Amino acid sequence: MPEMLTGWVHGNTITLESSVPPLEGKRVLVRIEPAEDSEATLAADVQARLWQAWAERSAGADRG
């Protein structure tokens, strides 16, 4: 069941490039290490999706 995901660290928040397995409410182990440059390059569609999600969360935070 272990799965390796990559993402970006912003303070104490980690934005993952893909969805996590259904682990809601379960304790998980998180290992943090720098990704190689080739691993850290996002495809254009992934980058667009992440920016859209960020913008939607930011807009929601402004409302309430």
C-alpha atoms as a PDB file:
ATOM      1  CA  MET A   1       0.000   0.000   0.000  1.00  0.00           C
ATOM      2  CA  PRO A   2       2.918   2.481   0.294  1.00  0.00           C
ATOM      3  CA  GLU A   3       2.839   5.156  -2.373  1.00  0.00           C
ATOM      4  CA  MET A   4       5.406   7.818  -3.188  1.00  0.00           C
ATOM      5  CA  LEU A   5       4.041  11.247  -4.140  1.00  0.00           C
ATOM      6  CA  THR A   6       5.800  14.486  -4.977  1.00  0.00           C
ATOM      7  CA  GLY A   7       4.726  18.007  -4.241  1.00  0.00           C
ATOM      8  CA  TRP A   8       5.746  21.437  -3.010  1.00  0.00           C
ATOM      9  CA  VAL A   9       6.388  22.643   0.537  1.00  0.00           C
ATOM     10  CA  HIS A  10       4.948  26.037   1.517  1.00  0.00           C
ATOM     11  CA  GLY A  11       5.656  26.682   5.205  1.00  0.00           C
ATOM     12  CA  ASN A  12       3.912  23.838   7.046  1.00  0.00           C
ATOM     13  CA  THR A  13       1.678  22.941   4.068  1.00  0.00           C
ATOM     14  CA  ILE A  14       2.549  20.385   1.393  1.00  0.00           C
ATOM     15  CA  THR A  15       0.723  20.604  -1.938  1.00  0.00           C
ATOM     16  CA  LEU A  16       0.826  17.219  -3.660  1.00  0.00           C
ATOM     17  CA  GLU A  17       0.858  16.800  -7.428  1.00  0.00           C
ATOM     18  CA  SER A  18      -1.718  14.009  -7.331  1.00  0.00           C
ATOM     19  CA  SER A  19      -4.491  12.675  -5.126  1.00  0.00           C
ATOM     20  CA  VAL A  20      -3.678  10.562  -2.113  1.00  0.00           C
ATOM     21  CA  PRO A  21      -5.144   7.109  -1.548  1.00  0.00           C
ATOM     22  CA  PRO A  22      -8.281   6.963   0.613  1.00  0.00           C
ATOM     23  CA  LEU A  23      -6.666   7.396   4.042  1.00  0.00           C
ATOM     24  CA  GLU A  24      -9.015   9.941   5.642  1.00  0.00           C
ATOM     25  CA  GLY A  25      -8.671   9.818   9.416  1.00  0.00           C
ATOM     26  CA  LYS A  26      -5.759   7.366   9.387  1.00  0.00           C
ATOM     27  CA  ARG A  27      -2.320   8.002  10.790  1.00  0.00           C
ATOM     28  CA  VAL A  28       0.326   8.180   8.047  1.00  0.00           C
ATOM     29  CA  LEU A  29       4.103   8.373   7.828  1.00  0.00           C
ATOM     30  CA  VAL A  30       5.449  11.315   5.822  1.00  0.00           C
ATOM     31  CA  ARG A  31       9.041  11.343   4.646  1.00  0.00           C
ATOM     32  CA  ILE A  32      10.397  14.654   3.391  1.00  0.00           C
ATOM     33  CA  GLU A  33      13.402  14.856   1.072  1.00  0.00           C
ATOM     34  CA  PRO A  34      14.319  17.079  -1.867  1.00  0.00           C
ATOM     35  CA  ALA A  35      13.207  15.779  -5.261  1.00  0.00           C
ATOM     36  CA  GLU A  36      15.674  15.640  -8.105  1.00  0.00           C
ATOM     37  CA  ASP A  37      15.205  18.433 -10.638  1.00  0.00           C
ATOM     38  CA  SER A  38      13.797  15.976 -13.176  1.00  0.00           C
ATOM     39  CA  GLU A  39      11.253  14.784 -10.582  1.00  0.00           C
ATOM     40  CA  ALA A  40      10.302  18.332  -9.616  1.00  0.00           C
ATOM     41  CA  THR A  41       9.398  19.487 -13.133  1.00  0.00           C
ATOM     42  CA  LEU A  42       5.644  19.596 -13.565  1.00  0.00           C
ATOM     43  CA  ALA A  43       3.845  18.868 -16.780  1.00  0.00           C
ATOM     44  CA  ALA A  44       1.925  21.890 -18.065  1.00  0.00           C
ATOM     45  CA  ASP A  45      -1.489  20.304 -17.349  1.00  0.00           C
ATOM     46  CA  VAL A  46      -0.487  19.389 -13.784  1.00  0.00           C
ATOM     47  CA  GLN A  47       0.853  22.878 -13.143  1.00  0.00           C
ATOM     48  CA  ALA A  48      -2.359  24.449 -14.503  1.00  0.00           C
ATOM     49  CA  ARG A  49      -4.511  22.180 -12.295  1.00  0.00           C
ATOM     50  CA  LEU A  50      -2.486  23.046  -9.193  1.00  0.00           C
ATOM     51  CA  TRP A  51      -2.673  26.798  -9.877  1.00  0.00           C
ATOM     52  CA  GLN A  52      -6.443  26.510 -10.399  1.00  0.00           C
ATOM     53  CA  ALA A  53      -6.877  24.626  -7.109  1.00  0.00           C
ATOM     54  CA  TRP A  54      -4.731  27.205  -5.302  1.00  0.00           C
ATOM     55  CA  ALA A  55      -6.735  30.089  -6.773  1.00  0.00           C
ATOM     56  CA  GLU A  56     -10.058  28.472  -5.806  1.00  0.00           C
ATOM     57  CA  ARG A  57      -8.880  27.867  -2.214  1.00  0.00           C
ATOM     58  CA  SER A  58      -7.617  31.452  -1.962  1.00  0.00           C
ATOM     59  CA  ALA A  59     -10.890  32.855  -3.270  1.00  0.00           C
ATOM     60  CA  GLY A  60     -12.829  30.719  -0.782  1.00  0.00           C
ATOM     61  CA  ALA A  61     -10.666  31.953   2.097  1.00  0.00           C
ATOM     62  CA  ASP A  62     -11.409  35.561   1.137  1.00  0.00           C
ATOM     63  CA  ARG A  63     -15.143  34.917   1.426  1.00  0.00           C
ATOM     64  CA  GLY A  64     -15.235  33.471   4.762  1.00  0.00           C
END
